[in-house]
Amino acid sequence: MASELEAKTGDNRGTRATIPSSGGSSNDRRPGSDDVNELRRQVRELTEQFNEHLASSATNLLDRAKASVSDAMSGVGQKGQEAAAGVREVGDNLTRALDDSLKRRPYTTLAIAFGLGYVFAVVSR
């Protein structure tokens, strides 16, 4: 579908120039439309790659966080066991010290126990 445009040249001879029509035909494409479509395809691919990378990064980060929490929890359990063993040891030492004190100075030990009981009673009121 070509439209003809009549144009006169400078020597006043009537010549006709034919200019192809660019509108209306489905076979005709705008200049650069292939480039735009290629860019759209590339952007789509990059977006998909970015989403895949983001998902794998999030998964890796979550796995590392789980491992850190697991390590911390096992460390806490071990520290708790060590603390319990320390408390048991202190309790055993205190019991031995009281037994030894009762055997060596029974009246002094009773006076100290009475004094501590009195102080505790006053403070707790």
Foldseek 3Di string as FASTA:
>chain_A
DWDKDWDADPVRDTDTDTDGDQPDDPVHDDPCPVVVVVVVVVVVVVVVVVVVVVVVVVVVVVVVVVVVVVVVVVVVVVVVVVVVVVVVVVVVVVVVVLVVCCVPPVVVSVVVVVVVVVVVVVVVD
